[in-house]
């Protein structure tokens, strides 16, 4: 009789999200280098800031689950 045992690491579920978008003006033209600020509405008020790329796009990763306010400057 042959018995094999294998142990694999198990990761717990993570409640994180990724937010991405494109910043445009009223005419639909993309806005590069715009400052994007994401603020969590919870008590701790987590804040993350990024900048749009040359195509007006941005991505913010590893956001905790919750409600956020996004501000573009």
C-alpha atoms as a PDB file:
ATOM      1  CA  UNK A   1       0.000   0.000   0.000  1.00  0.00           C
ATOM      2  CA  UNK A   2       1.323   3.433  -0.947  1.00  0.00           C
ATOM      3  CA  UNK A   3       0.138   6.586   0.816  1.00  0.00           C
ATOM      4  CA  UNK A   4       1.083  10.085  -0.336  1.00  0.00           C
ATOM      5  CA  UNK A   5       0.389  13.236   1.571  1.00  0.00           C
ATOM      6  CA  UNK A   6       0.709  16.756   0.275  1.00  0.00           C
ATOM      7  CA  UNK A   7       0.209  19.997   2.138  1.00  0.00           C
ATOM      8  CA  UNK A   8      -0.729  23.102   0.180  1.00  0.00           C
ATOM      9  CA  UNK A   9      -0.887  26.610   1.578  1.00  0.00           C
ATOM     10  CA  UNK A  10      -4.429  27.950   1.749  1.00  0.00           C
ATOM     11  CA  UNK A  11      -5.143  31.648   1.479  1.00  0.00           C
ATOM     12  CA  UNK A  12      -8.115  33.200   3.200  1.00  0.00           C
ATOM     13  CA  UNK A  13     -10.561  35.201   1.165  1.00  0.00           C
ATOM     14  CA  UNK A  14      -9.542  38.801   0.791  1.00  0.00           C
ATOM     15  CA  UNK A  15     -12.128  41.536   0.580  1.00  0.00           C
ATOM     16  CA  UNK A  16     -10.282  43.984  -1.633  1.00  0.00           C
ATOM     17  CA  UNK A  17     -11.172  45.738  -4.840  1.00  0.00           C
ATOM     18  CA  UNK A  18      -9.582  47.517  -7.762  1.00  0.00           C
ATOM     19  CA  UNK A  19     -10.924  50.830  -9.026  1.00  0.00           C
ATOM     20  CA  UNK A  20     -10.041  52.008 -12.499  1.00  0.00           C
ATOM     21  CA  UNK A  21     -11.357  54.612 -14.883  1.00  0.00           C
ATOM     22  CA  UNK A  22     -10.630  57.241 -17.476  1.00  0.00           C
ATOM     23  CA  UNK A  23     -10.830  60.974 -16.851  1.00  0.00           C
ATOM     24  CA  UNK A  24     -12.280  63.051 -19.693  1.00  0.00           C
ATOM     25  CA  UNK A  25     -13.440  66.626 -20.156  1.00  0.00           C
ATOM     26  CA  UNK A  26     -16.892  67.733 -21.355  1.00  0.00           C
ATOM     27  CA  UNK A  27     -15.904  67.203 -25.000  1.00  0.00           C
ATOM     28  CA  UNK A  28     -14.717  63.636 -24.325  1.00  0.00           C
ATOM     29  CA  UNK A  29     -10.997  64.397 -24.585  1.00  0.00           C
ATOM     30  CA  UNK A  30      -8.832  62.467 -22.106  1.00  0.00           C
ATOM     31  CA  UNK A  31      -7.054  64.369 -19.345  1.00  0.00           C
ATOM     32  CA  UNK A  32      -3.510  63.140 -18.677  1.00  0.00           C
ATOM     33  CA  UNK A  33      -1.767  63.850 -15.349  1.00  0.00           C
ATOM     34  CA  UNK A  34      -5.018  64.541 -13.477  1.00  0.00           C
ATOM     35  CA  UNK A  35      -4.847  63.897  -9.728  1.00  0.00           C
ATOM     36  CA  UNK A  36      -7.358  61.246  -8.593  1.00  0.00           C
ATOM     37  CA  UNK A  37      -8.071  60.963  -4.856  1.00  0.00           C
ATOM     38  CA  UNK A  38     -10.097  58.094  -3.397  1.00  0.00           C
ATOM     39  CA  UNK A  39     -11.319  58.514   0.208  1.00  0.00           C
ATOM     40  CA  UNK A  40     -13.039  55.726   2.120  1.00  0.00           C
ATOM     41  CA  UNK A  41     -16.272  56.844   3.776  1.00  0.00           C
ATOM     42  CA  UNK A  42     -15.645  54.695   6.871  1.00  0.00           C
ATOM     43  CA  UNK A  43     -14.404  55.974  10.211  1.00  0.00           C
ATOM     44  CA  UNK A  44     -10.715  55.431   9.426  1.00  0.00           C
ATOM     45  CA  UNK A  45     -10.968  57.588   6.280  1.00  0.00           C
ATOM     46  CA  UNK A  46      -8.366  55.742   4.217  1.00  0.00           C
ATOM     47  CA  UNK A  47      -7.144  58.016   1.424  1.00  0.00           C
ATOM     48  CA  UNK A  48      -5.248  57.045  -1.743  1.00  0.00           C
ATOM     49  CA  UNK A  49      -4.033  59.370  -4.475  1.00  0.00           C
ATOM     50  CA  UNK A  50      -2.853  58.535  -7.981  1.00  0.00           C
ATOM     51  CA  UNK A  51      -2.365  60.311 -11.293  1.00  0.00           C
ATOM     52  CA  UNK A  52      -3.837  59.529 -14.691  1.00  0.00           C
ATOM     53  CA  UNK A  53      -1.482  58.311 -17.398  1.00  0.00           C
ATOM     54  CA  UNK A  54      -1.043  59.782 -20.903  1.00  0.00           C
ATOM     55  CA  UNK A  55      -4.335  58.140 -21.943  1.00  0.00           C
ATOM     56  CA  UNK A  56      -6.250  59.636 -18.996  1.00  0.00           C
ATOM     57  CA  UNK A  57      -6.548  56.239 -17.270  1.00  0.00           C
ATOM     58  CA  UNK A  58      -5.939  55.369 -13.632  1.00  0.00           C
ATOM     59  CA  UNK A  59      -5.958  52.229 -11.472  1.00  0.00           C
ATOM     60  CA  UNK A  60      -5.999  51.904  -7.693  1.00  0.00           C
ATOM     61  CA  UNK A  61      -5.568  48.389  -6.292  1.00  0.00           C
ATOM     62  CA  UNK A  62      -6.004  46.699  -2.911  1.00  0.00           C
ATOM     63  CA  UNK A  63      -8.858  48.871  -1.689  1.00  0.00           C
ATOM     64  CA  UNK A  64     -10.656  47.532   1.355  1.00  0.00           C
ATOM     65  CA  UNK A  65     -14.330  46.758   0.869  1.00  0.00           C
ATOM     66  CA  UNK A  66     -16.501  49.802   1.518  1.00  0.00           C
ATOM     67  CA  UNK A  67     -17.857  53.042   0.113  1.00  0.00           C
ATOM     68  CA  UNK A  68     -15.523  55.630  -1.407  1.00  0.00           C
ATOM     69  CA  UNK A  69     -15.636  59.179  -2.706  1.00  0.00           C
ATOM     70  CA  UNK A  70     -13.569  59.867  -5.833  1.00  0.00           C
ATOM     71  CA  UNK A  71     -12.318  63.392  -6.525  1.00  0.00           C
ATOM     72  CA  UNK A  72     -10.539  64.525  -9.696  1.00  0.00           C
ATOM     73  CA  UNK A  73      -8.359  67.642  -9.703  1.00  0.00           C
END
